[in-house]
């Protein structure tokens, strides 16, 4: 192995220049035998089995839904707790989006992956879920994080393959279910949620689950990138305020 000093444009530095140097220099090593090379890093790339896209207007610290200050602080504390659970235990990638437009654009870009959706109940969540599922190509499981259950249960229980989540424990159980990609666990979780809240809210219910619950028809596990197609969303149709 031979070593010499050189400028960063790879020009070798003479001894005279080295003695009177005013420019940055580096050391250049010439290895004559490839068996002498010692690899410093190895990289293994693994594709994630699924991703989570969470749309919640309440990630905006400006409190766009104008909740009472104390209520909004409780919601922010709850979000921080859930984020900690996700970062410590979830072997996946979660994207936090503040608006419907941002979430739908992301779903369009990621539609060849397995995508799980979580959304807040306000800000026309039903329309958002329907648009997201249209891009995904199936009525895959969607979770709605609800602060005020009586306000939203009327429309949530009419939607197929949709879970209502309230409280840290049920959020955690939902994340655990999708970590396993386990339909049976999701059915069990649905029953647990119904049994828990039915005693508190007489009108409580959750809609039907069908075979689309974990179906991702656009998911691709192999192929060429240039064979994929991505649509430019029509903002007039997709943005919901």
Protein backbone atom coordinates (compact mmCIF):
# COMPACT_ATOMS: atom_id res chain seq x y z
CA UNK A 1 0.00 0.00 0.00
CA UNK A 2 1.38 3.36 -0.97
CA UNK A 3 0.37 6.63 0.69
CA UNK A 4 0.81 10.19 -0.53
CA UNK A 5 -0.66 13.61 0.17
CA UNK A 6 -3.01 15.21 -2.32
CA UNK A 7 -5.41 18.08 -2.79
CA UNK A 8 -9.07 17.11 -2.87
CA UNK A 9 -9.11 17.47 -6.64
CA UNK A 10 -6.79 14.40 -6.58
CA UNK A 11 -3.71 16.39 -7.61
CA UNK A 12 -0.61 15.06 -5.86
CA UNK A 13 1.13 17.55 -3.54
CA UNK A 14 4.87 17.99 -4.00
CA UNK A 15 7.18 18.23 -1.01
CA UNK A 16 7.74 21.94 -1.67
CA UNK A 17 3.97 22.59 -1.78
CA UNK A 18 3.55 20.52 1.34
CA UNK A 19 6.14 22.60 3.21
CA UNK A 20 4.41 25.85 2.18
CA UNK A 21 0.85 24.56 2.11
CA UNK A 22 -2.11 26.97 2.53
CA UNK A 23 -4.83 24.72 1.06
CA UNK A 24 -6.73 21.76 2.55
CA UNK A 25 -5.02 18.45 1.77
CA UNK A 26 -5.83 14.82 2.35
CA UNK A 27 -4.09 11.47 2.34
CA UNK A 28 -4.44 9.27 -0.69
CA UNK A 29 -3.92 5.52 -0.43
CA UNK A 30 -3.14 3.33 -3.41
CA UNK A 31 -3.94 -0.35 -2.89
CA UNK A 32 -2.25 -2.59 -5.44
CA UNK A 33 -3.91 -5.87 -4.44
CA UNK A 34 -7.70 -6.07 -3.98
CA UNK A 35 -7.23 -8.77 -1.31
CA UNK A 36 -5.85 -6.00 0.89
CA UNK A 37 -9.17 -4.12 0.91
CA UNK A 38 -11.01 -4.36 4.22
CA UNK A 39 -14.74 -3.55 3.88
CA UNK A 40 -15.87 -1.13 6.56
CA UNK A 41 -19.63 -1.33 5.95
CA UNK A 42 -22.15 -3.82 4.68
CA UNK A 43 -25.72 -2.79 3.92
CA UNK A 44 -28.77 -5.03 3.71
CA UNK A 45 -31.95 -3.49 2.32
CA UNK A 46 -35.26 -4.93 3.51
CA UNK A 47 -38.62 -3.86 2.18
CA UNK A 48 -41.19 -3.20 4.88
CA UNK A 49 -44.16 -5.56 4.80
CA UNK A 50 -46.60 -2.71 5.28
CA UNK A 51 -46.82 1.00 6.10
CA UNK A 52 -49.24 3.10 8.12
CA UNK A 53 -50.59 6.44 6.96
CA UNK A 54 -52.22 8.44 9.71
CA UNK A 55 -54.28 11.49 8.82
CA UNK A 56 -55.12 13.74 11.73
CA UNK A 57 -55.83 17.46 11.46
CA UNK A 58 -55.08 17.67 15.18
CA UNK A 59 -51.36 17.15 14.56
CA UNK A 60 -51.49 20.86 13.74
CA UNK A 61 -50.52 22.73 16.95
CA UNK A 62 -52.75 25.63 15.86
CA UNK A 63 -55.78 23.54 16.94
CA UNK A 64 -57.67 23.85 13.61
CA UNK A 65 -60.82 22.17 14.99
CA UNK A 66 -60.99 24.72 17.81
CA UNK A 67 -61.16 22.30 20.72
CA UNK A 68 -61.18 23.61 24.26
CA UNK A 69 -57.58 24.32 25.28
CA UNK A 70 -57.54 21.69 28.01
CA UNK A 71 -59.11 19.08 25.72
CA UNK A 72 -56.62 19.82 22.95
CA UNK A 73 -53.69 19.50 25.38
CA UNK A 74 -55.03 16.07 26.42
CA UNK A 75 -55.21 15.04 22.76
CA UNK A 76 -51.63 16.18 22.13
CA UNK A 77 -50.44 14.22 25.18
CA UNK A 78 -52.25 11.15 23.88
CA UNK A 79 -50.65 11.50 20.43
CA UNK A 80 -47.20 11.70 22.00
CA UNK A 81 -47.82 8.49 23.97
CA UNK A 82 -48.98 6.60 20.87
CA UNK A 83 -45.98 7.83 18.89
CA UNK A 84 -43.68 6.43 21.58
CA UNK A 85 -45.38 3.04 21.41
CA UNK A 86 -45.06 3.04 17.63
CA UNK A 87 -41.42 4.09 17.57
CA UNK A 88 -40.42 1.46 20.16
CA UNK A 89 -42.42 -1.55 19.07
CA UNK A 90 -43.66 -1.17 15.50
CA UNK A 91 -41.50 -2.80 12.83
CA UNK A 92 -42.82 -0.57 10.10
CA UNK A 93 -42.97 2.97 8.78
CA UNK A 94 -45.70 5.38 9.83
CA UNK A 95 -46.39 8.64 8.04
CA UNK A 96 -48.13 11.42 9.96
CA UNK A 97 -50.18 13.72 7.73
CA UNK A 98 -52.17 16.78 8.77
CA UNK A 99 -54.58 17.12 5.84
CA UNK A 100 -56.65 14.97 3.52
CA UNK A 101 -54.79 16.24 0.47
CA UNK A 102 -51.41 15.35 1.92
CA UNK A 103 -52.60 11.87 2.95
CA UNK A 104 -54.19 11.04 -0.41
CA UNK A 105 -51.13 12.14 -2.35
CA UNK A 106 -49.00 9.90 -0.15
CA UNK A 107 -51.37 6.94 -0.60
CA UNK A 108 -51.17 7.41 -4.36
CA UNK A 109 -47.36 7.26 -4.20
CA UNK A 110 -47.38 4.23 -1.89
CA UNK A 111 -50.32 2.30 -3.38
CA UNK A 112 -48.18 -0.69 -4.43
CA UNK A 113 -47.39 -1.31 -0.75
CA UNK A 114 -49.73 -2.67 1.90
CA UNK A 115 -51.25 0.44 3.45
CA UNK A 116 -53.12 0.71 6.74
CA UNK A 117 -55.10 3.87 7.43
CA UNK A 118 -55.71 5.68 10.71
CA UNK A 119 -57.65 8.94 10.78
CA UNK A 120 -59.28 11.31 13.22
CA UNK A 121 -63.08 11.28 13.20
CA UNK A 122 -63.63 14.92 12.29
CA UNK A 123 -62.80 16.69 9.01
CA UNK A 124 -64.97 14.39 6.89
CA UNK A 125 -63.18 11.19 7.80
CA UNK A 126 -65.78 9.04 6.02
CA UNK A 127 -65.14 10.71 2.67
CA UNK A 128 -61.38 10.47 3.24
CA UNK A 129 -61.53 6.72 3.93
CA UNK A 130 -63.65 6.13 0.81
CA UNK A 131 -61.20 8.07 -1.37
CA UNK A 132 -58.21 6.29 0.16
CA UNK A 133 -59.77 2.87 -0.40
CA UNK A 134 -60.51 3.76 -4.00
CA UNK A 135 -56.80 4.37 -4.57
CA UNK A 136 -55.82 1.18 -2.70
CA UNK A 137 -58.39 -0.84 -4.65
CA UNK A 138 -60.21 -2.56 -1.78
CA UNK A 139 -62.13 -1.89 1.45
CA UNK A 140 -59.08 -2.59 3.60
CA UNK A 141 -59.23 -2.13 7.35
CA UNK A 142 -59.34 1.49 8.50
CA UNK A 143 -59.14 2.76 12.07
CA UNK A 144 -60.84 5.92 13.29
CA UNK A 145 -59.36 7.54 16.38
CA UNK A 146 -62.34 9.03 18.23
CA UNK A 147 -62.36 11.43 21.16
CA UNK A 148 -66.15 11.96 21.35
CA UNK A 149 -67.79 8.59 20.69
CA UNK A 150 -71.49 9.66 20.82
CA UNK A 151 -70.81 12.37 18.24
CA UNK A 152 -69.47 9.97 15.59
CA UNK A 153 -70.75 6.46 16.29
CA UNK A 154 -73.85 6.97 14.10
CA UNK A 155 -71.88 7.04 10.84
CA UNK A 156 -68.91 4.91 11.90
CA UNK A 157 -71.04 1.84 12.56
CA UNK A 158 -72.42 2.00 9.00
CA UNK A 159 -68.96 1.56 7.44
CA UNK A 160 -67.52 -1.83 6.55
CA UNK A 161 -64.09 -2.95 7.77
CA UNK A 162 -63.75 0.06 10.06
CA UNK A 163 -62.73 0.07 13.71
CA UNK A 164 -63.42 2.79 16.26
CA UNK A 165 -60.44 3.38 18.53
CA UNK A 166 -60.62 5.29 21.80
CA UNK A 167 -57.95 5.15 24.46
CA UNK A 168 -54.36 4.02 24.39
CA UNK A 169 -55.05 0.33 25.03
CA UNK A 170 -57.26 -0.19 21.96
CA UNK A 171 -54.89 1.80 19.77
CA UNK A 172 -52.06 -0.46 20.91
CA UNK A 173 -54.09 -3.62 20.25
CA UNK A 174 -54.92 -2.39 16.74
CA UNK A 175 -51.25 -1.70 15.98
CA UNK A 176 -50.36 -5.15 17.31
CA UNK A 177 -52.96 -6.75 15.03
CA UNK A 178 -51.67 -5.10 11.87
CA UNK A 179 -48.07 -5.87 12.90
CA UNK A 180 -49.10 -9.52 12.62
CA UNK A 181 -51.22 -8.97 9.50
CA UNK A 182 -53.72 -11.11 11.39
CA UNK A 183 -57.40 -10.98 10.33
CA UNK A 184 -58.46 -13.26 13.18
CA UNK A 185 -56.94 -10.89 15.73
CA UNK A 186 -58.78 -7.96 14.11
CA UNK A 187 -62.11 -9.82 14.38
CA UNK A 188 -61.38 -10.52 18.05
CA UNK A 189 -60.45 -6.88 18.62
CA UNK A 190 -63.73 -5.80 17.03
CA UNK A 191 -65.67 -7.97 19.50
CA UNK A 192 -63.67 -6.64 22.46
CA UNK A 193 -64.38 -3.04 21.47
CA UNK A 194 -68.09 -3.72 21.04
CA UNK A 195 -68.34 -5.53 24.39
CA UNK A 196 -66.45 -2.75 26.18
CA UNK A 197 -68.42 0.23 24.86
CA UNK A 198 -71.90 -1.29 24.50
CA UNK A 199 -72.44 -1.00 28.24
CA UNK A 200 -71.64 2.73 28.12
CA UNK A 201 -73.33 3.65 24.84
CA UNK A 202 -76.59 1.79 23.98
CA UNK A 203 -76.32 2.74 20.30
CA UNK A 204 -72.74 1.53 19.98
CA UNK A 205 -71.84 -0.75 17.10
CA UNK A 206 -69.20 -1.52 14.47
CA UNK A 207 -69.93 -2.30 10.84
CA UNK A 208 -69.53 -5.60 9.02
CA UNK A 209 -66.10 -7.10 8.35
CA UNK A 210 -65.65 -8.91 5.03
CA UNK A 211 -62.88 -10.55 2.98
CA UNK A 212 -61.45 -7.19 1.91
CA UNK A 213 -60.21 -6.49 5.43
CA UNK A 214 -56.59 -7.41 4.59
CA UNK A 215 -56.74 -7.49 0.80
CA UNK A 216 -54.22 -5.35 -1.10
CA UNK A 217 -54.84 -6.04 -4.80
CA UNK A 218 -52.22 -3.55 -6.00
CA UNK A 219 -49.43 -4.85 -3.77
CA UNK A 220 -46.33 -5.80 -5.77
CA UNK A 221 -43.53 -7.90 -4.37
CA UNK A 222 -41.41 -7.92 -7.53
CA UNK A 223 -41.15 -6.30 -10.96
CA UNK A 224 -39.68 -3.18 -12.53
CA UNK A 225 -40.25 0.34 -11.29
CA UNK A 226 -40.97 1.74 -14.74
CA UNK A 227 -43.92 -0.66 -15.04
CA UNK A 228 -45.71 1.16 -12.21
CA UNK A 229 -48.15 3.97 -12.92
CA UNK A 230 -49.03 6.90 -10.69
CA UNK A 231 -51.94 9.26 -11.18
CA UNK A 232 -51.93 12.97 -10.54
CA UNK A 233 -54.79 13.61 -8.15
CA UNK A 234 -57.44 16.13 -9.03
CA UNK A 235 -57.25 18.55 -6.11
CA UNK A 236 -60.81 19.76 -6.67
CA UNK A 237 -62.09 16.24 -6.07
CA UNK A 238 -59.72 15.11 -3.36
CA UNK A 239 -59.29 18.05 -1.05
CA UNK A 240 -61.87 17.95 1.74
CA UNK A 241 -61.98 20.81 4.22
